[in-house]
Amino acid sequence: MSYEVNLNLIKETRRQRGISMDQMADKLKLANRSVYSKRENGLAKFKPEELPALCSILELSLNAIFLPKMSTK
């Protein structure tokens, strides 16, 4: 079984914690807000090495941010 990042959980948790996309980009050491926005909105993927920091910032466990990927067969 494969998994995908739960982008809705990431977005909602970031908003609930009052963290802006600019702040997330800065904390994850990304080039700018646009890079973070593309990842949060599913237009680009989070790099595996970014996920532990992302979880730490949002106070989530790594297990919490993954959803089973639905088969497209």
N, C-alpha and C. Protein backbone atom coordinates (compact mmCIF):
# COMPACT_ATOMS: atom_id res chain seq x y z
N MET A 1 0.85 -1.18 0.00
CA MET A 1 0.00 0.00 0.00
C MET A 1 0.89 1.24 0.00
N SER A 2 0.52 2.22 -0.81
CA SER A 2 1.29 3.46 -0.82
C SER A 2 0.50 4.55 -0.08
N TYR A 3 1.20 5.61 0.23
CA TYR A 3 0.61 6.69 1.02
C TYR A 3 0.85 8.03 0.35
N GLU A 4 0.00 8.98 0.70
CA GLU A 4 0.18 10.35 0.23
C GLU A 4 0.03 11.30 1.41
N VAL A 5 0.60 12.47 1.26
CA VAL A 5 0.55 13.48 2.32
C VAL A 5 -0.86 14.08 2.37
N ASN A 6 -1.40 14.19 3.57
CA ASN A 6 -2.73 14.77 3.78
C ASN A 6 -2.61 16.30 3.75
N LEU A 7 -2.73 16.86 2.56
CA LEU A 7 -2.55 18.30 2.39
C LEU A 7 -3.63 19.11 3.10
N ASN A 8 -4.84 18.57 3.16
CA ASN A 8 -5.92 19.28 3.87
C ASN A 8 -5.59 19.44 5.35
N LEU A 9 -5.06 18.38 5.96
CA LEU A 9 -4.68 18.45 7.37
C LEU A 9 -3.57 19.48 7.57
N ILE A 10 -2.60 19.49 6.69
CA ILE A 10 -1.49 20.44 6.80
C ILE A 10 -2.02 21.87 6.70
N LYS A 11 -2.85 22.12 5.70
CA LYS A 11 -3.39 23.47 5.50
C LYS A 11 -4.23 23.92 6.69
N GLU A 12 -5.14 23.06 7.13
CA GLU A 12 -6.02 23.43 8.24
C GLU A 12 -5.25 23.61 9.55
N THR A 13 -4.29 22.76 9.80
CA THR A 13 -3.49 22.90 11.02
C THR A 13 -2.67 24.18 10.99
N ARG A 14 -2.08 24.49 9.84
CA ARG A 14 -1.31 25.73 9.71
C ARG A 14 -2.21 26.93 10.00
N ARG A 15 -3.40 26.94 9.44
CA ARG A 15 -4.34 28.05 9.66
C ARG A 15 -4.76 28.14 11.13
N GLN A 16 -5.07 27.00 11.74
CA GLN A 16 -5.48 26.97 13.14
C GLN A 16 -4.38 27.50 14.06
N ARG A 17 -3.14 27.24 13.70
CA ARG A 17 -2.01 27.68 14.51
C ARG A 17 -1.61 29.13 14.22
N GLY A 18 -2.28 29.74 13.23
CA GLY A 18 -2.01 31.13 12.90
C GLY A 18 -0.65 31.33 12.23
N ILE A 19 -0.22 30.35 11.47
CA ILE A 19 1.07 30.43 10.79
C ILE A 19 0.82 30.75 9.32
N SER A 20 1.46 31.79 8.82
CA SER A 20 1.28 32.17 7.42
C SER A 20 2.13 31.29 6.50
N MET A 21 1.82 31.33 5.22
CA MET A 21 2.62 30.60 4.25
C MET A 21 4.04 31.16 4.19
N ASP A 22 4.16 32.48 4.34
CA ASP A 22 5.50 33.10 4.38
C ASP A 22 6.32 32.54 5.55
N GLN A 23 5.68 32.42 6.71
CA GLN A 23 6.37 31.88 7.88
C GLN A 23 6.76 30.43 7.67
N MET A 24 5.88 29.64 7.06
CA MET A 24 6.20 28.24 6.78
C MET A 24 7.38 28.14 5.83
N ALA A 25 7.36 28.94 4.78
CA ALA A 25 8.46 28.92 3.81
C ALA A 25 9.78 29.27 4.52
N ASP A 26 9.73 30.26 5.39
CA ASP A 26 10.93 30.67 6.12
C ASP A 26 11.42 29.56 7.05
N LYS A 27 10.49 28.97 7.80
CA LYS A 27 10.86 27.93 8.76
C LYS A 27 11.39 26.67 8.07
N LEU A 28 10.88 26.38 6.87
CA LEU A 28 11.34 25.21 6.12
C LEU A 28 12.53 25.53 5.23
N LYS A 29 12.98 26.79 5.28
CA LYS A 29 14.13 27.25 4.49
C LYS A 29 13.89 27.08 2.99
N LEU A 30 12.67 27.39 2.56
CA LEU A 30 12.33 27.36 1.15
C LEU A 30 12.60 28.73 0.54
N ALA A 31 12.70 28.78 -0.76
CA ALA A 31 13.05 30.03 -1.45
C ALA A 31 12.05 31.16 -1.16
N ASN A 32 10.76 30.83 -1.17
CA ASN A 32 9.74 31.86 -0.94
C ASN A 32 8.38 31.22 -0.70
N ARG A 33 7.39 32.07 -0.48
CA ARG A 33 6.02 31.63 -0.21
C ARG A 33 5.45 30.81 -1.36
N SER A 34 5.77 31.18 -2.58
CA SER A 34 5.25 30.49 -3.75
C SER A 34 5.64 29.02 -3.76
N VAL A 35 6.87 28.72 -3.38
CA VAL A 35 7.33 27.33 -3.32
C VAL A 35 6.50 26.56 -2.30
N TYR A 36 6.30 27.16 -1.12
CA TYR A 36 5.50 26.49 -0.09
C TYR A 36 4.06 26.33 -0.56
N SER A 37 3.48 27.37 -1.13
CA SER A 37 2.10 27.35 -1.59
C SER A 37 1.86 26.22 -2.59
N LYS A 38 2.77 26.06 -3.53
CA LYS A 38 2.63 24.99 -4.52
C LYS A 38 2.61 23.62 -3.85
N ARG A 39 3.41 23.45 -2.83
CA ARG A 39 3.45 22.16 -2.14
C ARG A 39 2.17 21.94 -1.34
N GLU A 40 1.74 22.95 -0.60
CA GLU A 40 0.54 22.80 0.23
C GLU A 40 -0.70 22.58 -0.63
N ASN A 41 -0.70 23.14 -1.83
CA ASN A 41 -1.86 23.01 -2.71
C ASN A 41 -1.76 21.86 -3.69
N GLY A 42 -0.73 21.02 -3.54
CA GLY A 42 -0.61 19.81 -4.35
C GLY A 42 -0.07 20.01 -5.75
N LEU A 43 0.44 21.20 -6.06
CA LEU A 43 1.00 21.45 -7.39
C LEU A 43 2.45 20.99 -7.47
N ALA A 44 3.06 20.76 -6.33
CA ALA A 44 4.41 20.20 -6.21
C ALA A 44 4.41 19.35 -4.95
N LYS A 45 5.34 18.43 -4.86
CA LYS A 45 5.38 17.54 -3.69
C LYS A 45 6.37 18.04 -2.65
N PHE A 46 6.02 17.82 -1.38
CA PHE A 46 6.97 18.07 -0.31
C PHE A 46 8.11 17.08 -0.46
N LYS A 47 9.32 17.52 -0.24
CA LYS A 47 10.46 16.62 -0.26
C LYS A 47 10.46 15.82 1.03
N PRO A 48 10.86 14.54 0.95
CA PRO A 48 10.84 13.71 2.16
C PRO A 48 11.61 14.32 3.33
N GLU A 49 12.71 14.99 3.05
CA GLU A 49 13.51 15.59 4.13
C GLU A 49 12.84 16.80 4.77
N GLU A 50 11.80 17.35 4.14
CA GLU A 50 11.06 18.49 4.71
C GLU A 50 9.98 18.04 5.69
N LEU A 51 9.53 16.82 5.57
CA LEU A 51 8.38 16.36 6.36
C LEU A 51 8.60 16.37 7.87
N PRO A 52 9.76 15.94 8.39
CA PRO A 52 9.94 16.02 9.85
C PRO A 52 9.86 17.45 10.37
N ALA A 53 10.47 18.40 9.66
CA ALA A 53 10.41 19.81 10.09
C ALA A 53 8.99 20.34 9.99
N LEU A 54 8.29 19.99 8.93
CA LEU A 54 6.90 20.41 8.75
C LEU A 54 6.05 19.93 9.93
N CYS A 55 6.22 18.67 10.29
CA CYS A 55 5.47 18.10 11.42
C CYS A 55 5.83 18.78 12.73
N SER A 56 7.09 19.07 12.90
CA SER A 56 7.53 19.74 14.13
C SER A 56 6.90 21.12 14.25
N ILE A 57 6.91 21.87 13.17
CA ILE A 57 6.33 23.22 13.16
C ILE A 57 4.84 23.18 13.48
N LEU A 58 4.14 22.21 12.88
CA LEU A 58 2.69 22.11 13.05
C LEU A 58 2.27 21.28 14.26
N GLU A 59 3.26 20.73 14.96
CA GLU A 59 3.01 19.90 16.14
C GLU A 59 2.14 18.69 15.80
N LEU A 60 2.51 18.01 14.71
CA LEU A 60 1.84 16.80 14.26
C LEU A 60 2.86 15.67 14.21
N SER A 61 2.39 14.45 14.33
CA SER A 61 3.29 13.31 14.15
C SER A 61 3.42 13.02 12.66
N LEU A 62 4.51 12.37 12.29
CA LEU A 62 4.67 11.98 10.89
C LEU A 62 3.53 11.06 10.45
N ASN A 63 3.13 10.15 11.32
CA ASN A 63 2.03 9.23 10.98
C ASN A 63 0.73 9.98 10.69
N ALA A 64 0.52 11.09 11.37
CA ALA A 64 -0.74 11.83 11.23
C ALA A 64 -0.90 12.46 9.85
N ILE A 65 0.20 12.77 9.18
CA ILE A 65 0.07 13.50 7.91
C ILE A 65 -0.06 12.60 6.68
N PHE A 66 -0.07 11.28 6.88
CA PHE A 66 -0.17 10.39 5.73
C PHE A 66 -1.54 9.74 5.63
N LEU A 67 -2.02 9.62 4.40
CA LEU A 67 -3.26 8.93 4.08
C LEU A 67 -2.94 7.77 3.14
N PRO A 68 -3.65 6.66 3.26
CA PRO A 68 -3.46 5.59 2.28
C PRO A 68 -3.85 6.14 0.90
N LYS A 69 -3.03 5.85 -0.08
CA LYS A 69 -3.31 6.31 -1.44
C LYS A 69 -4.31 5.36 -2.09
N MET A 70 -5.34 5.92 -2.63
CA MET A 70 -6.38 5.10 -3.28
C MET A 70 -5.86 4.54 -4.58
N SER A 71 -6.16 3.31 -4.85
CA SER A 71 -5.76 2.67 -6.09
C SER A 71 -6.58 3.23 -7.23
N THR A 72 -5.94 3.44 -8.38
CA THR A 72 -6.66 3.96 -9.55
C THR A 72 -6.90 2.86 -10.58
N LYS A 73 -6.90 1.62 -10.13
CA LYS A 73 -7.12 0.48 -11.06
C LYS A 73 -8.56 0.34 -11.41
